Amino acid sequence: MRFINLTTSRPDEVEALVSECRAQTMGRCTAQRGTFTKDRDRSDTYVQIVELPSYEDAMANSDLPEAADFAERLTQLCDGPMTFRNLDVRSVEEMSRPSTIYRRETPHGTQRCRLP
């Protein structure tokens, strides 16, 4: 999972750029989901959350020919430097559904666990 923190007064253009990049890399992009969020407490502050299946897939995504152009164009839309967080998912719990099963990602693979 990758978090991209950015400040911009042009969020609509950022979203359009992301959509354009997604269309250009369809079938080659390894990202599973992208969520563009607005910080309620800091004006013009946003976080793009990119979900990827693995670190290796994230690196493959970064190596796409379009990635450098995307990063350059995104930088031009920002009002300051971006910061990045690359995260390994340890566990995922579905909070909206009553369930006694949750999934935990470990170095040895995915475990499904049952809550007592």
Protein backbone atom coordinates (compact mmCIF):
# COMPACT_ATOMS: atom_id res chain seq x y z
CA MET A 1 0.00 0.00 0.00
CA ARG A 2 1.34 3.45 -0.85
CA PHE A 3 0.22 6.78 0.63
CA ILE A 4 1.07 9.90 -1.37
CA ASN A 5 0.59 13.07 0.68
CA LEU A 6 0.28 16.21 -1.39
CA THR A 7 -0.81 19.81 -1.25
CA THR A 8 -2.57 21.27 -4.26
CA SER A 9 -5.05 23.96 -5.17
CA ARG A 10 -5.89 21.92 -8.31
CA PRO A 11 -7.40 18.63 -7.05
CA ASP A 12 -9.66 18.23 -10.10
CA GLU A 13 -6.60 18.26 -12.35
CA VAL A 14 -4.87 15.71 -10.10
CA GLU A 15 -7.87 13.38 -10.41
CA ALA A 16 -7.96 13.87 -14.19
CA LEU A 17 -4.24 13.04 -14.39
CA VAL A 18 -4.72 9.87 -12.36
CA SER A 19 -7.60 8.81 -14.64
CA GLU A 20 -5.50 9.52 -17.73
CA CYS A 21 -2.58 7.48 -16.37
CA ARG A 22 -4.91 4.60 -15.46
CA ALA A 23 -6.27 4.55 -19.02
CA GLN A 24 -2.75 4.62 -20.52
CA THR A 25 -1.51 1.74 -18.37
CA MET A 26 -4.64 -0.45 -18.46
CA GLY A 27 -3.65 -4.09 -18.36
CA ARG A 28 -0.11 -3.31 -17.18
CA CYS A 29 -0.74 -1.31 -14.01
CA THR A 30 -0.49 -3.52 -10.93
CA ALA A 31 -2.46 -1.24 -8.59
CA GLN A 32 -5.73 -2.76 -7.42
CA ARG A 33 -7.41 0.35 -6.05
CA GLY A 34 -6.77 4.07 -5.75
CA THR A 35 -8.55 6.34 -3.29
CA PHE A 36 -8.09 10.12 -3.43
CA THR A 37 -8.90 11.74 -0.08
CA LYS A 38 -9.14 15.34 1.18
CA ASP A 39 -7.85 16.29 4.61
CA ARG A 40 -10.71 17.90 6.56
CA ASP A 41 -8.33 19.76 8.89
CA ARG A 42 -5.81 21.18 6.40
CA SER A 43 -6.95 23.05 3.33
CA ASP A 44 -5.59 21.95 -0.03
CA THR A 45 -4.10 18.79 1.55
CA TYR A 46 -4.84 15.39 0.02
CA VAL A 47 -3.76 11.78 0.35
CA GLN A 48 -3.77 9.36 -2.59
CA ILE A 49 -4.01 5.79 -1.26
CA VAL A 50 -2.82 3.18 -3.75
CA GLU A 51 -3.45 -0.48 -2.96
CA LEU A 52 -1.06 -2.97 -4.55
CA PRO A 53 -0.90 -6.74 -4.08
CA SER A 54 2.78 -6.79 -3.04
CA TYR A 55 6.01 -4.84 -2.79
CA GLU A 56 7.18 -6.49 -6.01
CA ASP A 57 4.02 -5.34 -7.80
CA ALA A 58 4.57 -1.82 -6.47
CA MET A 59 8.09 -1.82 -7.92
CA ALA A 60 6.82 -3.18 -11.24
CA ASN A 61 4.24 -0.38 -11.29
CA SER A 62 6.97 2.21 -10.61
CA ASP A 63 9.01 0.78 -13.51
CA LEU A 64 6.27 1.39 -16.09
CA PRO A 65 7.46 3.84 -18.78
CA GLU A 66 4.54 6.17 -17.97
CA ALA A 67 5.43 6.36 -14.25
CA ALA A 68 8.18 8.98 -14.62
CA ASP A 69 5.98 11.21 -16.79
CA PHE A 70 3.08 10.81 -14.34
CA ALA A 71 5.31 11.77 -11.37
CA GLU A 72 6.65 14.82 -13.18
CA ARG A 73 3.20 16.01 -14.18
CA LEU A 74 1.82 15.37 -10.68
CA THR A 75 4.67 17.38 -9.18
CA GLN A 76 3.71 20.31 -11.42
CA LEU A 77 0.16 20.23 -10.04
CA CYS A 78 1.35 20.31 -6.41
CA ASP A 79 1.88 23.44 -4.35
CA GLY A 80 4.75 21.85 -2.42
CA PRO A 81 6.75 18.64 -2.19
CA MET A 82 4.94 15.32 -1.97
CA THR A 83 5.73 12.76 0.70
CA PHE A 84 5.39 9.02 0.25
CA ARG A 85 4.69 6.15 2.65
CA ASN A 86 5.15 2.59 1.46
CA LEU A 87 3.35 0.23 3.80
CA ASP A 88 3.12 -3.54 4.16
CA VAL A 89 -0.38 -4.69 5.12
CA ARG A 90 -0.32 -6.75 8.32
CA SER A 91 -4.03 -7.39 8.64
CA VAL A 92 -7.37 -6.40 7.17
CA GLU A 93 -10.61 -6.47 9.15
CA GLU A 94 -13.99 -5.93 7.56
CA MET A 95 -15.65 -3.59 10.03
CA SER A 96 -18.97 -3.00 8.26
CA ARG A 97 -20.07 -6.63 8.22
CA PRO A 98 -20.62 -8.78 11.26
CA SER A 99 -18.11 -11.52 10.79
CA THR A 100 -16.01 -13.74 12.94
CA ILE A 101 -13.33 -14.15 10.27
CA TYR A 102 -10.58 -11.73 9.39
CA ARG A 103 -7.58 -11.91 7.10
CA ARG A 104 -3.99 -11.40 8.20
CA GLU A 105 -1.09 -11.00 5.77
CA THR A 106 2.15 -12.48 7.07
CA PRO A 107 5.58 -13.09 5.53
CA HIS A 108 4.39 -16.67 5.04
CA GLY A 109 1.20 -15.74 3.19
CA THR A 110 -2.43 -14.95 3.95
CA GLN A 111 -4.01 -16.42 7.06
CA ARG A 112 -7.72 -16.49 7.70
CA CYS A 113 -8.43 -16.26 11.41
CA ARG A 114 -11.65 -16.82 13.32
CA LEU A 115 -12.44 -14.55 16.23
CA PRO A 116 -13.68 -16.19 19.43
